[in-house]
């Protein structure tokens, strides 16, 4: 289904250039970065596409009268595996950038990552409850 709401943040095309520019990579570092980064973007896009397809499959189940818990568990487990692969790919990509960096660049990189993580959290968090309202979690189903 093409109507699925996708909550993944869109990565601007210039993100890798932004990091390299902010760190002030020299020509040698830049060459190594470009060589070691080959395929990273394609891997991330592929994994994101896989997650989108799996989420479509999951939410198509909403219209089914009888849905087995094992079917939902299976799809959500596959989504988790793909998200895990994405997180590991990003981690090792960032580790590579850090390894290419000198000590001064490593400190700057650390701050860029912290800022990026905090920005990402702000985009995904629900608004705080209004005065007098508390969050009431949905009831859990007993299996």
N, C-alpha and C. Protein backbone atom coordinates (compact mmCIF):
# COMPACT_ATOMS: atom_id res chain seq x y z
N UNK A 1 0.83 -1.18 0.00
CA UNK A 1 0.00 0.00 0.00
C UNK A 1 0.87 1.24 0.00
N UNK A 2 0.55 2.20 -0.78
CA UNK A 2 1.35 3.40 -0.85
C UNK A 2 0.95 4.48 0.13
N UNK A 3 -0.07 4.22 0.96
CA UNK A 3 -0.57 5.24 1.87
C UNK A 3 0.06 5.19 3.24
N UNK A 4 1.07 4.34 3.41
CA UNK A 4 1.68 4.22 4.72
C UNK A 4 2.39 5.50 5.12
N UNK A 5 2.22 5.88 6.38
CA UNK A 5 2.92 7.04 6.91
C UNK A 5 4.31 6.59 7.28
N UNK A 6 5.31 7.26 6.77
CA UNK A 6 6.70 6.88 7.02
C UNK A 6 7.33 7.92 7.92
N UNK A 7 7.78 7.49 9.10
CA UNK A 7 8.33 8.42 10.07
C UNK A 7 9.83 8.56 9.99
N UNK A 8 10.47 7.91 9.03
CA UNK A 8 11.93 8.01 8.98
C UNK A 8 12.32 9.39 8.48
N UNK A 9 13.34 9.96 9.10
CA UNK A 9 13.78 11.27 8.64
C UNK A 9 14.43 11.18 7.27
N UNK A 10 14.19 12.16 6.45
CA UNK A 10 14.79 12.21 5.13
C UNK A 10 16.18 12.79 5.25
N UNK A 11 17.16 12.10 4.70
CA UNK A 11 18.53 12.60 4.77
C UNK A 11 18.78 13.54 3.61
N UNK A 12 19.13 14.76 3.88
CA UNK A 12 19.46 15.68 2.80
C UNK A 12 20.66 15.16 2.02
N UNK A 13 20.68 15.40 0.74
CA UNK A 13 21.76 14.91 -0.12
C UNK A 13 23.12 15.42 0.34
N UNK A 14 23.17 16.59 0.95
CA UNK A 14 24.44 17.17 1.32
C UNK A 14 24.95 16.77 2.69
N UNK A 15 24.33 15.81 3.37
CA UNK A 15 24.74 15.44 4.72
C UNK A 15 26.20 15.02 4.79
N UNK A 16 26.63 14.16 3.88
CA UNK A 16 28.03 13.71 3.93
C UNK A 16 28.97 14.87 3.64
N UNK A 17 28.60 15.74 2.71
CA UNK A 17 29.41 16.91 2.42
C UNK A 17 29.45 17.85 3.61
N UNK A 18 28.32 17.97 4.30
CA UNK A 18 28.24 18.83 5.47
C UNK A 18 29.25 18.38 6.53
N UNK A 19 29.27 17.10 6.82
CA UNK A 19 30.17 16.57 7.84
C UNK A 19 31.63 16.81 7.43
N UNK A 20 31.95 16.49 6.19
CA UNK A 20 33.32 16.66 5.71
C UNK A 20 33.73 18.13 5.75
N UNK A 21 32.83 19.01 5.34
CA UNK A 21 33.12 20.45 5.37
C UNK A 21 33.29 20.94 6.81
N UNK A 22 32.42 20.50 7.70
CA UNK A 22 32.50 20.92 9.09
C UNK A 22 33.80 20.44 9.75
N UNK A 23 34.24 19.25 9.37
CA UNK A 23 35.48 18.72 9.96
C UNK A 23 36.72 19.29 9.30
N UNK A 24 36.57 19.84 8.11
CA UNK A 24 37.71 20.42 7.40
C UNK A 24 38.69 19.36 6.94
N UNK A 25 38.18 18.27 6.35
CA UNK A 25 39.05 17.21 5.84
C UNK A 25 40.02 17.76 4.81
N UNK A 26 41.26 17.31 4.88
CA UNK A 26 42.24 17.67 3.85
C UNK A 26 42.06 16.74 2.65
N UNK A 27 42.84 16.95 1.60
CA UNK A 27 42.67 16.17 0.37
C UNK A 27 42.85 14.67 0.61
N UNK A 28 43.84 14.32 1.41
CA UNK A 28 44.10 12.90 1.68
C UNK A 28 42.92 12.27 2.43
N UNK A 29 42.41 12.98 3.44
CA UNK A 29 41.27 12.48 4.20
C UNK A 29 40.03 12.38 3.30
N UNK A 30 39.85 13.37 2.47
CA UNK A 30 38.70 13.41 1.57
C UNK A 30 38.72 12.24 0.59
N UNK A 31 39.88 11.95 0.04
CA UNK A 31 40.03 10.82 -0.89
C UNK A 31 39.70 9.51 -0.18
N UNK A 32 40.24 9.33 1.02
CA UNK A 32 39.98 8.11 1.79
C UNK A 32 38.49 8.01 2.15
N UNK A 33 37.90 9.13 2.52
CA UNK A 33 36.48 9.15 2.87
C UNK A 33 35.62 8.72 1.68
N UNK A 34 35.89 9.29 0.51
CA UNK A 34 35.10 8.96 -0.67
C UNK A 34 35.24 7.48 -1.03
N UNK A 35 36.45 6.95 -0.93
CA UNK A 35 36.68 5.54 -1.25
C UNK A 35 35.96 4.63 -0.26
N UNK A 36 36.08 4.93 1.02
CA UNK A 36 35.48 4.08 2.05
C UNK A 36 33.97 4.23 2.15
N UNK A 37 33.43 5.33 1.63
CA UNK A 37 31.99 5.58 1.70
C UNK A 37 31.21 4.96 0.55
N UNK A 38 31.92 4.46 -0.43
CA UNK A 38 31.23 3.89 -1.60
C UNK A 38 30.25 2.81 -1.13
N UNK A 39 29.04 2.92 -1.59
CA UNK A 39 28.03 1.92 -1.29
C UNK A 39 27.22 2.19 -0.02
N UNK A 40 27.71 3.04 0.87
CA UNK A 40 27.00 3.28 2.13
C UNK A 40 25.58 3.80 1.88
N UNK A 41 25.47 4.83 1.07
CA UNK A 41 24.15 5.43 0.80
C UNK A 41 23.20 4.40 0.18
N UNK A 42 23.71 3.61 -0.74
CA UNK A 42 22.90 2.59 -1.40
C UNK A 42 22.40 1.54 -0.40
N UNK A 43 23.26 1.16 0.53
CA UNK A 43 22.88 0.19 1.56
C UNK A 43 21.76 0.76 2.43
N UNK A 44 21.92 2.00 2.87
CA UNK A 44 20.92 2.64 3.73
C UNK A 44 19.58 2.77 3.00
N UNK A 45 19.61 3.18 1.75
CA UNK A 45 18.38 3.31 0.96
C UNK A 45 17.71 1.94 0.81
N UNK A 46 18.49 0.91 0.53
CA UNK A 46 17.94 -0.44 0.38
C UNK A 46 17.28 -0.93 1.66
N UNK A 47 17.95 -0.71 2.79
CA UNK A 47 17.37 -1.13 4.07
C UNK A 47 16.11 -0.33 4.39
N UNK A 48 16.13 0.96 4.11
CA UNK A 48 14.94 1.80 4.34
C UNK A 48 13.78 1.33 3.47
N UNK A 49 14.08 0.98 2.23
CA UNK A 49 13.04 0.47 1.34
C UNK A 49 12.47 -0.85 1.87
N UNK A 50 13.34 -1.72 2.37
CA UNK A 50 12.89 -2.99 2.95
C UNK A 50 11.96 -2.75 4.13
N UNK A 51 12.31 -1.81 5.00
CA UNK A 51 11.48 -1.48 6.16
C UNK A 51 10.13 -0.94 5.70
N UNK A 52 10.14 -0.09 4.70
CA UNK A 52 8.89 0.48 4.19
C UNK A 52 7.97 -0.63 3.66
N UNK A 53 8.51 -1.58 2.92
CA UNK A 53 7.72 -2.69 2.38
C UNK A 53 7.14 -3.53 3.53
N UNK A 54 7.98 -3.81 4.52
CA UNK A 54 7.51 -4.60 5.66
C UNK A 54 6.42 -3.87 6.44
N UNK A 55 6.58 -2.57 6.62
CA UNK A 55 5.54 -1.80 7.32
C UNK A 55 4.25 -1.77 6.51
N UNK A 56 4.37 -1.69 5.19
CA UNK A 56 3.18 -1.78 4.35
C UNK A 56 2.47 -3.11 4.58
N UNK A 57 3.24 -4.20 4.60
CA UNK A 57 2.66 -5.53 4.85
C UNK A 57 1.99 -5.58 6.22
N UNK A 58 2.63 -5.00 7.21
CA UNK A 58 2.08 -4.99 8.56
C UNK A 58 0.74 -4.25 8.60
N UNK A 59 0.71 -3.05 8.06
CA UNK A 59 -0.50 -2.24 8.18
C UNK A 59 -1.59 -2.64 7.20
N UNK A 60 -1.26 -3.45 6.20
CA UNK A 60 -2.30 -4.05 5.36
C UNK A 60 -3.13 -5.03 6.18
N UNK A 61 -2.53 -5.56 7.25
CA UNK A 61 -3.22 -6.50 8.13
C UNK A 61 -4.37 -5.84 8.89
N UNK A 62 -4.36 -4.52 8.97
CA UNK A 62 -5.43 -3.81 9.68
C UNK A 62 -6.80 -4.12 9.09
N UNK A 63 -6.87 -4.32 7.79
CA UNK A 63 -8.16 -4.56 7.14
C UNK A 63 -8.56 -6.04 7.17
N UNK A 64 -7.68 -6.90 7.63
CA UNK A 64 -8.02 -8.32 7.71
C UNK A 64 -8.84 -8.59 8.96
N UNK A 65 -9.85 -9.43 8.81
CA UNK A 65 -10.74 -9.72 9.94
C UNK A 65 -10.01 -10.50 11.03
N UNK A 66 -9.28 -11.51 10.66
CA UNK A 66 -8.55 -12.34 11.63
C UNK A 66 -7.05 -12.25 11.33
N UNK A 67 -6.32 -11.75 12.29
CA UNK A 67 -4.87 -11.61 12.13
C UNK A 67 -4.21 -12.39 13.26
N UNK A 68 -3.30 -13.27 12.88
CA UNK A 68 -2.62 -14.06 13.91
C UNK A 68 -1.49 -13.25 14.53
N UNK A 69 -1.33 -13.43 15.83
CA UNK A 69 -0.26 -12.76 16.55
C UNK A 69 1.10 -13.16 15.99
N UNK A 70 1.22 -14.42 15.56
CA UNK A 70 2.51 -14.88 15.02
C UNK A 70 2.86 -14.17 13.72
N UNK A 71 1.86 -13.83 12.93
CA UNK A 71 2.09 -13.08 11.70
C UNK A 71 2.60 -11.68 12.01
N UNK A 72 1.98 -11.02 12.98
CA UNK A 72 2.41 -9.68 13.39
C UNK A 72 3.81 -9.74 13.99
N UNK A 73 4.05 -10.74 14.84
CA UNK A 73 5.38 -10.92 15.45
C UNK A 73 6.45 -11.14 14.38
N UNK A 74 6.12 -11.92 13.38
CA UNK A 74 7.07 -12.22 12.32
C UNK A 74 7.46 -10.95 11.55
N UNK A 75 6.46 -10.18 11.15
CA UNK A 75 6.73 -8.96 10.39
C UNK A 75 7.49 -7.95 11.24
N UNK A 76 7.06 -7.75 12.49
CA UNK A 76 7.74 -6.77 13.34
C UNK A 76 9.16 -7.21 13.67
N UNK A 77 9.39 -8.51 13.77
CA UNK A 77 10.76 -9.00 13.98
C UNK A 77 11.64 -8.70 12.77
N UNK A 78 11.09 -8.87 11.58
CA UNK A 78 11.84 -8.55 10.36
C UNK A 78 12.15 -7.05 10.29
N UNK A 79 11.17 -6.22 10.68
CA UNK A 79 11.40 -4.77 10.71
C UNK A 79 12.54 -4.46 11.67
N UNK A 80 12.50 -5.08 12.83
CA UNK A 80 13.56 -4.86 13.83
C UNK A 80 14.93 -5.25 13.30
N UNK A 81 15.01 -6.36 12.60
CA UNK A 81 16.29 -6.79 12.04
C UNK A 81 16.83 -5.79 11.02
N UNK A 82 15.94 -5.29 10.17
CA UNK A 82 16.36 -4.30 9.16
C UNK A 82 16.81 -3.00 9.83
N UNK A 83 16.08 -2.57 10.85
CA UNK A 83 16.46 -1.35 11.58
C UNK A 83 17.80 -1.55 12.29
N UNK A 84 18.01 -2.74 12.81
CA UNK A 84 19.30 -3.06 13.45
C UNK A 84 20.43 -2.97 12.43
N UNK A 85 20.21 -3.53 11.24
CA UNK A 85 21.23 -3.46 10.18
C UNK A 85 21.53 -2.01 9.81
N UNK A 86 20.48 -1.18 9.73
CA UNK A 86 20.68 0.24 9.41
C UNK A 86 21.51 0.93 10.49
N UNK A 87 21.16 0.67 11.74
CA UNK A 87 21.89 1.31 12.84
C UNK A 87 23.36 0.90 12.84
N UNK A 88 23.62 -0.36 12.57
CA UNK A 88 25.01 -0.83 12.52
C UNK A 88 25.76 -0.22 11.35
N UNK A 89 25.11 -0.11 10.20
CA UNK A 89 25.73 0.49 9.02
C UNK A 89 26.10 1.94 9.31
N UNK A 90 25.19 2.68 9.92
CA UNK A 90 25.46 4.08 10.25
C UNK A 90 26.58 4.17 11.28
N UNK A 91 26.54 3.31 12.29
CA UNK A 91 27.58 3.31 13.32
C UNK A 91 28.96 3.11 12.70
N UNK A 92 29.10 2.08 11.87
CA UNK A 92 30.41 1.80 11.28
C UNK A 92 30.84 2.87 10.28
N UNK A 93 29.88 3.50 9.63
CA UNK A 93 30.20 4.61 8.73
C UNK A 93 30.76 5.79 9.54
N UNK A 94 30.09 6.09 10.66
CA UNK A 94 30.58 7.16 11.53
C UNK A 94 31.92 6.80 12.16
N UNK A 95 32.09 5.55 12.50
CA UNK A 95 33.37 5.11 13.07
C UNK A 95 34.49 5.34 12.05
N UNK A 96 34.22 5.05 10.79
CA UNK A 96 35.21 5.26 9.72
C UNK A 96 35.57 6.74 9.63
N UNK A 97 34.57 7.61 9.71
CA UNK A 97 34.83 9.05 9.66
C UNK A 97 35.71 9.46 10.85
N UNK A 98 35.38 8.94 12.00
CA UNK A 98 36.16 9.26 13.19
C UNK A 98 37.60 8.78 13.06
N UNK A 99 37.80 7.60 12.49
CA UNK A 99 39.15 7.06 12.33
C UNK A 99 39.98 7.86 11.34
N UNK A 100 39.32 8.50 10.38
CA UNK A 100 40.02 9.35 9.41
C UNK A 100 40.40 10.70 10.01
N UNK A 101 39.75 11.04 11.10
CA UNK A 101 39.90 12.38 11.68
C UNK A 101 41.11 12.50 12.60
N UNK A 102 41.67 13.72 12.65
CA UNK A 102 42.72 14.00 13.63
C UNK A 102 42.03 14.32 14.97
N UNK A 103 42.81 14.57 16.01
CA UNK A 103 42.23 14.78 17.34
C UNK A 103 41.27 15.95 17.40
N UNK A 104 41.61 17.04 16.76
CA UNK A 104 40.75 18.22 16.76
C UNK A 104 39.43 17.93 16.02
N UNK A 105 39.54 17.24 14.89
CA UNK A 105 38.36 16.88 14.12
C UNK A 105 37.48 15.89 14.88
N UNK A 106 38.10 15.00 15.64
CA UNK A 106 37.34 14.03 16.43
C UNK A 106 36.47 14.74 17.45
N UNK A 107 36.98 15.77 18.09
CA UNK A 107 36.19 16.53 19.05
C UNK A 107 35.02 17.22 18.36
N UNK A 108 35.28 17.82 17.22
CA UNK A 108 34.22 18.50 16.47
C UNK A 108 33.18 17.48 15.99
N UNK A 109 33.66 16.32 15.53
CA UNK A 109 32.76 15.26 15.06
C UNK A 109 31.85 14.78 16.19
N UNK A 110 32.43 14.64 17.37
CA UNK A 110 31.66 14.21 18.53
C UNK A 110 30.50 15.18 18.78
N UNK A 111 30.78 16.47 18.69
CA UNK A 111 29.74 17.48 18.90
C UNK A 111 28.68 17.44 17.78
N UNK A 112 29.11 17.23 16.55
CA UNK A 112 28.17 17.13 15.43
C UNK A 112 27.21 15.96 15.62
N UNK A 113 27.75 14.83 16.07
CA UNK A 113 26.93 13.64 16.28
C UNK A 113 25.93 13.88 17.41
N UNK A 114 26.38 14.45 18.51
CA UNK A 114 25.49 14.74 19.63
C UNK A 114 24.37 15.68 19.18
N UNK A 115 24.72 16.73 18.44
CA UNK A 115 23.71 17.66 17.95
C UNK A 115 22.72 16.97 17.01
N UNK A 116 23.23 16.13 16.12
CA UNK A 116 22.37 15.43 15.17
C UNK A 116 21.41 14.47 15.89
N UNK A 117 21.92 13.77 16.89
CA UNK A 117 21.07 12.85 17.64
C UNK A 117 19.98 13.61 18.40
N UNK A 118 20.32 14.74 18.97
CA UNK A 118 19.33 15.52 19.70
C UNK A 118 18.29 16.10 18.75
N UNK A 119 18.69 16.53 17.57
CA UNK A 119 17.73 17.05 16.60
C UNK A 119 16.78 15.95 16.16
N UNK A 120 17.32 14.75 15.92
CA UNK A 120 16.49 13.62 15.51
C UNK A 120 15.46 13.27 16.56
N UNK A 121 15.84 13.33 17.83
CA UNK A 121 14.91 13.03 18.91
C UNK A 121 13.76 14.04 18.95
N UNK A 122 14.07 15.30 18.70
CA UNK A 122 13.03 16.34 18.75
C UNK A 122 11.98 16.11 17.68
N UNK A 123 12.39 15.61 16.54
CA UNK A 123 11.45 15.40 15.45
C UNK A 123 10.53 14.22 15.66
N UNK A 124 10.88 13.31 16.56
CA UNK A 124 10.10 12.10 16.74
C UNK A 124 9.31 12.07 18.04
N UNK A 125 9.57 13.01 18.91
CA UNK A 125 8.90 12.99 20.20
C UNK A 125 7.51 13.61 20.09
N UNK A 126 6.55 13.01 20.80
CA UNK A 126 5.22 13.62 20.79
C UNK A 126 5.25 14.92 21.59
N UNK A 127 4.29 15.79 21.34
CA UNK A 127 4.26 17.03 22.12
C UNK A 127 4.00 16.70 23.59
N UNK A 128 4.48 17.54 24.49
CA UNK A 128 4.23 17.28 25.91
C UNK A 128 2.75 17.41 26.21
N UNK A 129 2.27 16.72 27.24
CA UNK A 129 0.85 16.83 27.58
C UNK A 129 0.51 18.25 28.03
N UNK A 130 -0.72 18.65 27.77
CA UNK A 130 -1.17 19.96 28.21
C UNK A 130 -1.41 19.94 29.71
N UNK A 131 -1.51 21.10 30.25
CA UNK A 131 -1.77 21.25 31.69
C UNK A 131 -2.96 20.38 32.09
N UNK A 132 -2.77 19.54 33.08
CA UNK A 132 -3.85 18.71 33.58
C UNK A 132 -4.05 17.42 32.82
N UNK A 133 -3.36 17.26 31.70
CA UNK A 133 -3.49 16.02 30.92
C UNK A 133 -2.25 15.18 31.14
N UNK A 134 -2.44 13.92 31.31
CA UNK A 134 -1.32 13.00 31.41
C UNK A 134 -1.38 12.02 30.28
N UNK A 135 -0.28 11.39 30.01
CA UNK A 135 -0.27 10.37 28.96
C UNK A 135 -0.84 9.09 29.52
N UNK A 136 -1.80 8.55 28.83
CA UNK A 136 -2.37 7.27 29.24
C UNK A 136 -1.99 6.26 28.16
N UNK A 137 -1.14 5.29 28.51
CA UNK A 137 -0.73 4.31 27.51
C UNK A 137 -1.90 3.42 27.13
N UNK A 138 -1.86 2.86 25.92
CA UNK A 138 -2.94 1.95 25.51
C UNK A 138 -2.91 0.71 26.38
N UNK A 139 -4.08 0.08 26.57
CA UNK A 139 -4.11 -1.13 27.39
C UNK A 139 -3.33 -2.25 26.70
N UNK A 140 -2.62 -3.04 27.47
CA UNK A 140 -1.85 -4.16 26.93
C UNK A 140 -2.78 -5.35 26.83
N UNK A 141 -2.62 -6.10 25.75
CA UNK A 141 -3.40 -7.31 25.58
C UNK A 141 -2.66 -8.45 26.23
N UNK A 142 -3.36 -9.24 26.96
CA UNK A 142 -2.75 -10.42 27.60
C UNK A 142 -2.75 -11.56 26.62
N UNK A 143 -1.58 -12.17 26.45
CA UNK A 143 -1.47 -13.29 25.50
C UNK A 143 -1.73 -14.60 26.18
